[in-house]
């Protein structure tokens, strides 16, 4: 795993998708995968974004006293 990919993973695992952090993530992704980004890399980023969105929603539901699936 390259240093940039390690950094991408570290950022991905520690932040919620705020605007500035998302921009930082995309910038690092473009450095790693090139611009335009390969189709596989775009799919990977979409999966990460969806996973983070679902995770954030579950945490929010749990904080509101609801149960999540």
Protein backbone atom coordinates (compact mmCIF):
# COMPACT_ATOMS: atom_id res chain seq x y z
CA UNK A 1 0.00 0.00 0.00
CA UNK A 2 1.47 3.36 -1.00
CA UNK A 3 1.88 6.22 1.47
CA UNK A 4 -0.96 8.15 -0.16
CA UNK A 5 -3.28 5.16 0.10
CA UNK A 6 -2.35 4.75 3.77
CA UNK A 7 -3.18 8.43 4.29
CA UNK A 8 -6.48 8.01 2.45
CA UNK A 9 -7.36 5.06 4.67
CA UNK A 10 -6.38 6.98 7.82
CA UNK A 11 -8.52 9.95 6.82
CA UNK A 12 -11.42 7.69 5.85
CA UNK A 13 -11.44 5.87 9.17
CA UNK A 14 -11.26 8.93 11.42
CA UNK A 15 -13.50 11.64 9.99
CA UNK A 16 -17.12 12.29 9.36
CA UNK A 17 -17.76 13.59 5.88
CA UNK A 18 -17.46 17.31 6.53
CA UNK A 19 -16.88 19.52 3.50
CA UNK A 20 -13.21 20.26 4.13
CA UNK A 21 -12.30 16.67 4.97
CA UNK A 22 -14.19 15.36 1.94
CA UNK A 23 -12.23 17.78 -0.27
CA UNK A 24 -8.98 16.61 1.36
CA UNK A 25 -9.96 12.99 0.73
CA UNK A 26 -10.77 13.66 -2.93
CA UNK A 27 -7.50 15.59 -3.40
CA UNK A 28 -5.48 12.69 -1.99
CA UNK A 29 -7.46 10.21 -4.08
CA UNK A 30 -6.65 12.15 -7.25
CA UNK A 31 -2.96 12.20 -6.27
CA UNK A 32 -3.03 8.43 -5.81
CA UNK A 33 -5.19 7.36 -8.73
CA UNK A 34 -4.54 10.22 -11.14
CA UNK A 35 -6.94 12.57 -12.77
CA UNK A 36 -9.13 11.58 -14.47
CA UNK A 37 -9.56 8.81 -11.97
CA UNK A 38 -9.91 5.23 -13.25
CA UNK A 39 -13.42 3.78 -13.18
CA UNK A 40 -12.49 1.23 -10.49
CA UNK A 41 -11.15 3.96 -8.21
CA UNK A 42 -14.33 6.00 -8.62
CA UNK A 43 -16.41 2.94 -7.72
CA UNK A 44 -14.25 2.38 -4.66
CA UNK A 45 -14.71 5.98 -3.49
CA UNK A 46 -18.47 5.74 -4.02
CA UNK A 47 -18.56 2.58 -1.87
CA UNK A 48 -16.57 4.34 0.86
CA UNK A 49 -18.86 7.36 0.74
CA UNK A 50 -21.98 5.17 0.94
CA UNK A 51 -20.54 3.17 3.83
CA UNK A 52 -19.72 6.37 5.74
CA UNK A 53 -23.21 7.75 5.04
CA UNK A 54 -24.87 4.59 6.37
CA UNK A 55 -22.57 4.56 9.41
CA UNK A 56 -23.35 8.21 10.20
CA UNK A 57 -27.09 7.57 9.87
CA UNK A 58 -26.91 4.59 12.22
CA UNK A 59 -25.00 6.60 14.82
CA UNK A 60 -27.55 9.42 14.53
CA UNK A 61 -30.45 6.99 14.92
CA UNK A 62 -28.82 5.42 17.98
CA UNK A 63 -28.25 8.87 19.49
CA UNK A 64 -31.93 9.68 18.97
CA UNK A 65 -33.00 6.57 20.88
CA UNK A 66 -33.94 4.56 17.81
CA UNK A 67 -32.60 1.15 16.99
CA UNK A 68 -30.79 0.47 13.76
CA UNK A 69 -30.76 -2.62 11.60
